[in-house]
Amino acid sequence: MAKNFNDLTDYERGELDCVLGYAVASDCESDEYYRGYGEQYAKDQNATWYSEQIFEPFIKQTMGDYK
């Protein structure tokens, strides 16, 4: 991991852009940037799906149908 933002690899810049909610950069970035962005996006989506599976039944049980 880089010590400061100026030393980030392309992969790390892609990850960071995704974490911060920035739209994917234009098509002039390196393959590593897109790999970092894509892998972080997939992690975020999987975490969201998992937490919905775990917590939605609990919420429905305690609060009723909240939608």
PDB file of N, CA and C in Angstrom:
ATOM      1  N   MET A   1       0.846  -1.182   0.000  1.00  0.00           N
ATOM      2  CA  MET A   1       0.000   0.000   0.000  1.00  0.00           C
ATOM      3  C   MET A   1       0.889   1.242   0.000  1.00  0.00           C
ATOM      4  N   ALA A   2       0.454   2.208  -0.695  1.00  0.00           N
ATOM      5  CA  ALA A   2       1.209   3.447  -0.823  1.00  0.00           C
ATOM      6  C   ALA A   2       1.183   4.232   0.497  1.00  0.00           C
ATOM      7  N   LYS A   3       2.205   5.027   0.695  1.00  0.00           N
ATOM      8  CA  LYS A   3       2.277   5.847   1.900  1.00  0.00           C
ATOM      9  C   LYS A   3       1.470   7.131   1.769  1.00  0.00           C
ATOM     10  N   ASN A   4       1.239   7.576   0.554  1.00  0.00           N
ATOM     11  CA  ASN A   4       0.382   8.742   0.341  1.00  0.00           C
ATOM     12  C   ASN A   4      -0.348   8.589  -0.989  1.00  0.00           C
ATOM     13  N   PHE A   5      -1.315   9.430  -1.202  1.00  0.00           N
ATOM     14  CA  PHE A   5      -2.167   9.298  -2.381  1.00  0.00           C
ATOM     15  C   PHE A   5      -1.415   9.490  -3.693  1.00  0.00           C
ATOM     16  N   ASN A   6      -0.319  10.181  -3.666  1.00  0.00           N
ATOM     17  CA  ASN A   6       0.454  10.386  -4.890  1.00  0.00           C
ATOM     18  C   ASN A   6       1.200   9.140  -5.326  1.00  0.00           C
ATOM     19  N   ASP A   7       1.340   8.165  -4.420  1.00  0.00           N
ATOM     20  CA  ASP A   7       2.089   6.957  -4.728  1.00  0.00           C
ATOM     21  C   ASP A   7       1.202   5.738  -4.980  1.00  0.00           C
ATOM     22  N   LEU A   8      -0.104   5.936  -5.123  1.00  0.00           N
ATOM     23  CA  LEU A   8      -1.007   4.803  -5.352  1.00  0.00           C
ATOM     24  C   LEU A   8      -0.723   4.150  -6.694  1.00  0.00           C
ATOM     25  N   THR A   9      -0.822   2.832  -6.716  1.00  0.00           N
ATOM     26  CA  THR A   9      -0.750   2.129  -7.992  1.00  0.00           C
ATOM     27  C   THR A   9      -2.051   2.355  -8.739  1.00  0.00           C
ATOM     28  N   ASP A  10      -2.085   2.006 -10.003  1.00  0.00           N
ATOM     29  CA  ASP A  10      -3.328   2.129 -10.771  1.00  0.00           C
ATOM     30  C   ASP A  10      -4.430   1.281 -10.142  1.00  0.00           C
ATOM     31  N   TYR A  11      -4.061   0.074  -9.701  1.00  0.00           N
ATOM     32  CA  TYR A  11      -5.039  -0.809  -9.061  1.00  0.00           C
ATOM     33  C   TYR A  11      -5.626  -0.130  -7.815  1.00  0.00           C
ATOM     34  N   GLU A  12      -4.771   0.432  -6.985  1.00  0.00           N
ATOM     35  CA  GLU A  12      -5.231   1.092  -5.761  1.00  0.00           C
ATOM     36  C   GLU A  12      -6.081   2.321  -6.064  1.00  0.00           C
ATOM     37  N   ARG A  13      -5.739   3.064  -7.102  1.00  0.00           N
ATOM     38  CA  ARG A  13      -6.564   4.215  -7.489  1.00  0.00           C
ATOM     39  C   ARG A  13      -7.953   3.750  -7.898  1.00  0.00           C
ATOM     40  N   GLY A  14      -8.032   2.640  -8.627  1.00  0.00           N
ATOM     41  CA  GLY A  14      -9.334   2.104  -9.008  1.00  0.00           C
ATOM     42  C   GLY A  14     -10.154   1.693  -7.804  1.00  0.00           C
ATOM     43  N   GLU A  15      -9.518   0.989  -6.865  1.00  0.00           N
ATOM     44  CA  GLU A  15     -10.207   0.613  -5.628  1.00  0.00           C
ATOM     45  C   GLU A  15     -10.725   1.836  -4.889  1.00  0.00           C
ATOM     46  N   LEU A  16      -9.865   2.821  -4.737  1.00  0.00           N
ATOM     47  CA  LEU A  16     -10.233   4.022  -3.991  1.00  0.00           C
ATOM     48  C   LEU A  16     -11.375   4.772  -4.666  1.00  0.00           C
ATOM     49  N   ASP A  17     -11.324   4.914  -5.967  1.00  0.00           N
ATOM     50  CA  ASP A  17     -12.421   5.582  -6.677  1.00  0.00           C
ATOM     51  C   ASP A  17     -13.744   4.881  -6.423  1.00  0.00           C
ATOM     52  N   CYS A  18     -13.724   3.558  -6.415  1.00  0.00           N
ATOM     53  CA  CYS A  18     -14.953   2.801  -6.168  1.00  0.00           C
ATOM     54  C   CYS A  18     -15.433   3.013  -4.735  1.00  0.00           C
ATOM     55  N   VAL A  19     -14.533   2.908  -3.770  1.00  0.00           N
ATOM     56  CA  VAL A  19     -14.896   3.080  -2.365  1.00  0.00           C
ATOM     57  C   VAL A  19     -15.484   4.466  -2.115  1.00  0.00           C
ATOM     58  N   LEU A  20     -14.916   5.464  -2.762  1.00  0.00           N
ATOM     59  CA  LEU A  20     -15.397   6.833  -2.569  1.00  0.00           C
ATOM     60  C   LEU A  20     -16.650   7.153  -3.379  1.00  0.00           C
ATOM     61  N   GLY A  21     -17.096   6.197  -4.188  1.00  0.00           N
ATOM     62  CA  GLY A  21     -18.330   6.376  -4.942  1.00  0.00           C
ATOM     63  C   GLY A  21     -18.183   7.150  -6.228  1.00  0.00           C
ATOM     64  N   TYR A  22     -16.956   7.315  -6.703  1.00  0.00           N
ATOM     65  CA  TYR A  22     -16.738   8.013  -7.969  1.00  0.00           C
ATOM     66  C   TYR A  22     -17.107   7.102  -9.129  1.00  0.00           C
ATOM     67  N   ALA A  23     -17.625   7.688 -10.176  1.00  0.00           N
ATOM     68  CA  ALA A  23     -17.886   6.920 -11.389  1.00  0.00           C
ATOM     69  C   ALA A  23     -16.549   6.432 -11.934  1.00  0.00           C
ATOM     70  N   VAL A  24     -16.592   5.290 -12.590  1.00  0.00           N
ATOM     71  CA  VAL A  24     -15.352   4.761 -13.156  1.00  0.00           C
ATOM     72  C   VAL A  24     -14.761   5.785 -14.119  1.00  0.00           C
ATOM     73  N   ALA A  25     -13.455   5.923 -14.072  1.00  0.00           N
ATOM     74  CA  ALA A  25     -12.777   6.924 -14.894  1.00  0.00           C
ATOM     75  C   ALA A  25     -12.927   6.603 -16.378  1.00  0.00           C
ATOM     76  N   SER A  26     -12.598   7.561 -17.179  1.00  0.00           N
ATOM     77  CA  SER A  26     -12.744   7.403 -18.634  1.00  0.00           C
ATOM     78  C   SER A  26     -11.952   6.211 -19.149  1.00  0.00           C
ATOM     79  N   ASP A  27     -12.157   5.881 -20.389  1.00  0.00           N
ATOM     80  CA  ASP A  27     -11.554   4.680 -20.966  1.00  0.00           C
ATOM     81  C   ASP A  27     -10.067   4.830 -21.274  1.00  0.00           C
ATOM     82  N   CYS A  28      -9.421   5.838 -20.731  1.00  0.00           N
ATOM     83  CA  CYS A  28      -7.983   5.999 -20.962  1.00  0.00           C
ATOM     84  C   CYS A  28      -7.160   5.507 -19.780  1.00  0.00           C
ATOM     85  N   GLU A  29      -7.775   4.810 -18.845  1.00  0.00           N
ATOM     86  CA  GLU A  29      -7.043   4.264 -17.700  1.00  0.00           C
ATOM     87  C   GLU A  29      -6.448   2.902 -18.055  1.00  0.00           C
ATOM     88  N   SER A  30      -5.534   2.446 -17.209  1.00  0.00           N
ATOM     89  CA  SER A  30      -4.877   1.161 -17.447  1.00  0.00           C
ATOM     90  C   SER A  30      -5.795   0.000 -17.071  1.00  0.00           C
ATOM     91  N   ASP A  31      -5.438  -1.183 -17.531  1.00  0.00           N
ATOM     92  CA  ASP A  31      -6.195  -2.382 -17.173  1.00  0.00           C
ATOM     93  C   ASP A  31      -6.193  -2.608 -15.664  1.00  0.00           C
ATOM     94  N   GLU A  32      -5.092  -2.276 -15.008  1.00  0.00           N
ATOM     95  CA  GLU A  32      -5.000  -2.449 -13.559  1.00  0.00           C
ATOM     96  C   GLU A  32      -5.985  -1.545 -12.826  1.00  0.00           C
ATOM     97  N   TYR A  33      -6.192  -0.339 -13.316  1.00  0.00           N
ATOM     98  CA  TYR A  33      -7.177   0.563 -12.712  1.00  0.00           C
ATOM     99  C   TYR A  33      -8.561  -0.080 -12.769  1.00  0.00           C
ATOM    100  N   TYR A  34      -8.934  -0.576 -13.934  1.00  0.00           N
ATOM    101  CA  TYR A  34     -10.262  -1.180 -14.090  1.00  0.00           C
ATOM    102  C   TYR A  34     -10.391  -2.458 -13.276  1.00  0.00           C
ATOM    103  N   ARG A  35      -9.310  -3.206 -13.143  1.00  0.00           N
ATOM    104  CA  ARG A  35      -9.344  -4.418 -12.323  1.00  0.00           C
ATOM    105  C   ARG A  35      -9.561  -4.040 -10.860  1.00  0.00           C
ATOM    106  N   GLY A  36      -8.847  -3.026 -10.378  1.00  0.00           N
ATOM    107  CA  GLY A  36      -9.029  -2.574  -8.993  1.00  0.00           C
ATOM    108  C   GLY A  36     -10.432  -2.071  -8.735  1.00  0.00           C
ATOM    109  N   TYR A  37     -10.957  -1.282  -9.669  1.00  0.00           N
ATOM    110  CA  TYR A  37     -12.315  -0.750  -9.528  1.00  0.00           C
ATOM    111  C   TYR A  37     -13.324  -1.904  -9.545  1.00  0.00           C
ATOM    112  N   GLY A  38     -13.179  -2.795 -10.499  1.00  0.00           N
ATOM    113  CA  GLY A  38     -14.129  -3.901 -10.649  1.00  0.00           C
ATOM    114  C   GLY A  38     -14.124  -4.858  -9.479  1.00  0.00           C
ATOM    115  N   GLU A  39     -12.952  -5.191  -8.975  1.00  0.00           N
ATOM    116  CA  GLU A  39     -12.882  -6.105  -7.838  1.00  0.00           C
ATOM    117  C   GLU A  39     -13.475  -5.469  -6.585  1.00  0.00           C
ATOM    118  N   GLN A  40     -13.228  -4.183  -6.375  1.00  0.00           N
ATOM    119  CA  GLN A  40     -13.818  -3.506  -5.222  1.00  0.00           C
ATOM    120  C   GLN A  40     -15.331  -3.413  -5.363  1.00  0.00           C
ATOM    121  N   TYR A  41     -15.812  -3.135  -6.566  1.00  0.00           N
ATOM    122  CA  TYR A  41     -17.250  -3.073  -6.811  1.00  0.00           C
ATOM    123  C   TYR A  41     -17.900  -4.426  -6.497  1.00  0.00           C
ATOM    124  N   ALA A  42     -17.266  -5.503  -6.939  1.00  0.00           N
ATOM    125  CA  ALA A  42     -17.805  -6.843  -6.673  1.00  0.00           C
ATOM    126  C   ALA A  42     -17.829  -7.133  -5.171  1.00  0.00           C
ATOM    127  N   LYS A  43     -16.785  -6.748  -4.457  1.00  0.00           N
ATOM    128  CA  LYS A  43     -16.768  -6.940  -3.000  1.00  0.00           C
ATOM    129  C   LYS A  43     -17.913  -6.178  -2.339  1.00  0.00           C
ATOM    130  N   ASP A  44     -18.132  -4.952  -2.762  1.00  0.00           N
ATOM    131  CA  ASP A  44     -19.203  -4.139  -2.186  1.00  0.00           C
ATOM    132  C   ASP A  44     -20.571  -4.764  -2.450  1.00  0.00           C
ATOM    133  N   GLN A  45     -20.783  -5.237  -3.664  1.00  0.00           N
ATOM    134  CA  GLN A  45     -22.075  -5.833  -4.003  1.00  0.00           C
ATOM    135  C   GLN A  45     -22.304  -7.118  -3.230  1.00  0.00           C
ATOM    136  N   ASN A  46     -21.273  -7.932  -3.079  1.00  0.00           N
ATOM    137  CA  ASN A  46     -21.407  -9.170  -2.313  1.00  0.00           C
ATOM    138  C   ASN A  46     -21.685  -8.883  -0.850  1.00  0.00           C
ATOM    139  N   ALA A  47     -21.030  -7.883  -0.288  1.00  0.00           N
ATOM    140  CA  ALA A  47     -21.257  -7.525   1.116  1.00  0.00           C
ATOM    141  C   ALA A  47     -22.683  -7.043   1.313  1.00  0.00           C
ATOM    142  N   THR A  48     -23.195  -6.256   0.371  1.00  0.00           N
ATOM    143  CA  THR A  48     -24.569  -5.778   0.463  1.00  0.00           C
ATOM    144  C   THR A  48     -25.549  -6.939   0.388  1.00  0.00           C
ATOM    145  N   TRP A  49     -25.341  -7.839  -0.554  1.00  0.00           N
ATOM    146  CA  TRP A  49     -26.230  -8.992  -0.695  1.00  0.00           C
ATOM    147  C   TRP A  49     -26.210  -9.827   0.576  1.00  0.00           C
ATOM    148  N   TYR A  50     -25.021 -10.087   1.088  1.00  0.00           N
ATOM    149  CA  TYR A  50     -24.894 -10.910   2.291  1.00  0.00           C
ATOM    150  C   TYR A  50     -25.608 -10.270   3.475  1.00  0.00           C
ATOM    151  N   SER A  51     -25.388  -8.982   3.690  1.00  0.00           N
ATOM    152  CA  SER A  51     -26.019  -8.335   4.840  1.00  0.00           C
ATOM    153  C   SER A  51     -27.537  -8.286   4.679  1.00  0.00           C
ATOM    154  N   GLU A  52     -28.024  -8.149   3.461  1.00  0.00           N
ATOM    155  CA  GLU A  52     -29.475  -8.184   3.252  1.00  0.00           C
ATOM    156  C   GLU A  52     -30.035  -9.555   3.599  1.00  0.00           C
ATOM    157  N   GLN A  53     -29.324 -10.603   3.262  1.00  0.00           N
ATOM    158  CA  GLN A  53     -29.785 -11.959   3.564  1.00  0.00           C
ATOM    159  C   GLN A  53     -29.807 -12.205   5.072  1.00  0.00           C
ATOM    160  N   ILE A  54     -28.837 -11.657   5.765  1.00  0.00           N
ATOM    161  CA  ILE A  54     -28.730 -11.869   7.207  1.00  0.00           C
ATOM    162  C   ILE A  54     -29.722 -10.989   7.976  1.00  0.00           C
ATOM    163  N   PHE A  55     -29.802  -9.725   7.639  1.00  0.00           N
ATOM    164  CA  PHE A  55     -30.543  -8.781   8.461  1.00  0.00           C
ATOM    165  C   PHE A  55     -31.997  -8.585   8.066  1.00  0.00           C
ATOM    166  N   GLU A  56     -32.359  -8.814   6.829  1.00  0.00           N
ATOM    167  CA  GLU A  56     -33.743  -8.582   6.424  1.00  0.00           C
ATOM    168  C   GLU A  56     -34.735  -9.443   7.203  1.00  0.00           C
ATOM    169  N   PRO A  57     -34.469 -10.746   7.390  1.00  0.00           N
ATOM    170  CA  PRO A  57     -35.423 -11.520   8.206  1.00  0.00           C
ATOM    171  C   PRO A  57     -35.529 -11.009   9.644  1.00  0.00           C
ATOM    172  N   PHE A  58     -34.422 -10.572  10.210  1.00  0.00           N
ATOM    173  CA  PHE A  58     -34.430 -10.026  11.569  1.00  0.00           C
ATOM    174  C   PHE A  58     -35.262  -8.752  11.627  1.00  0.00           C
ATOM    175  N   ILE A  59     -35.090  -7.873  10.652  1.00  0.00           N
ATOM    176  CA  ILE A  59     -35.847  -6.620  10.621  1.00  0.00           C
ATOM    177  C   ILE A  59     -37.326  -6.901  10.474  1.00  0.00           C
ATOM    178  N   LYS A  60     -37.677  -7.813   9.573  1.00  0.00           N
ATOM    179  CA  LYS A  60     -39.096  -8.145   9.398  1.00  0.00           C
ATOM    180  C   LYS A  60     -39.686  -8.719  10.674  1.00  0.00           C
ATOM    181  N   GLN A  61     -38.884  -9.535  11.376  1.00  0.00           N
ATOM    182  CA  GLN A  61     -39.366 -10.150  12.605  1.00  0.00           C
ATOM    183  C   GLN A  61     -39.578  -9.103  13.703  1.00  0.00           C
ATOM    184  N   THR A  62     -38.698  -8.139  13.782  1.00  0.00           N
ATOM    185  CA  THR A  62     -38.793  -7.171  14.869  1.00  0.00           C
ATOM    186  C   THR A  62     -39.628  -5.940  14.529  1.00  0.00           C
ATOM    187  N   MET A  63     -39.674  -5.561  13.248  1.00  0.00           N
ATOM    188  CA  MET A  63     -40.365  -4.333  12.875  1.00  0.00           C
ATOM    189  C   MET A  63     -41.558  -4.566  11.962  1.00  0.00           C
ATOM    190  N   GLY A  64     -41.789  -5.775  11.572  1.00  0.00           N
ATOM    191  CA  GLY A  64     -42.853  -6.044  10.614  1.00  0.00           C
ATOM    192  C   GLY A  64     -42.378  -5.756   9.214  1.00  0.00           C
ATOM    193  N   ASP A  65     -43.282  -5.694   8.283  1.00  0.00           N
ATOM    194  CA  ASP A  65     -42.919  -5.426   6.889  1.00  0.00           C
ATOM    195  C   ASP A  65     -42.661  -3.935   6.742  1.00  0.00           C
ATOM    196  N   TYR A  66     -41.405  -3.559   6.654  1.00  0.00           N
ATOM    197  CA  TYR A  66     -41.011  -2.145   6.667  1.00  0.00           C
ATOM    198  C   TYR A  66     -41.022  -1.483   5.303  1.00  0.00           C
ATOM    199  N   LYS A  67     -41.276  -2.222   4.257  1.00  0.00           N
ATOM    200  CA  LYS A  67     -41.232  -1.627   2.914  1.00  0.00           C
ATOM    201  C   LYS A  67     -42.553  -1.014   2.535  1.00  0.00           C
TER     202      LYS A  67
END
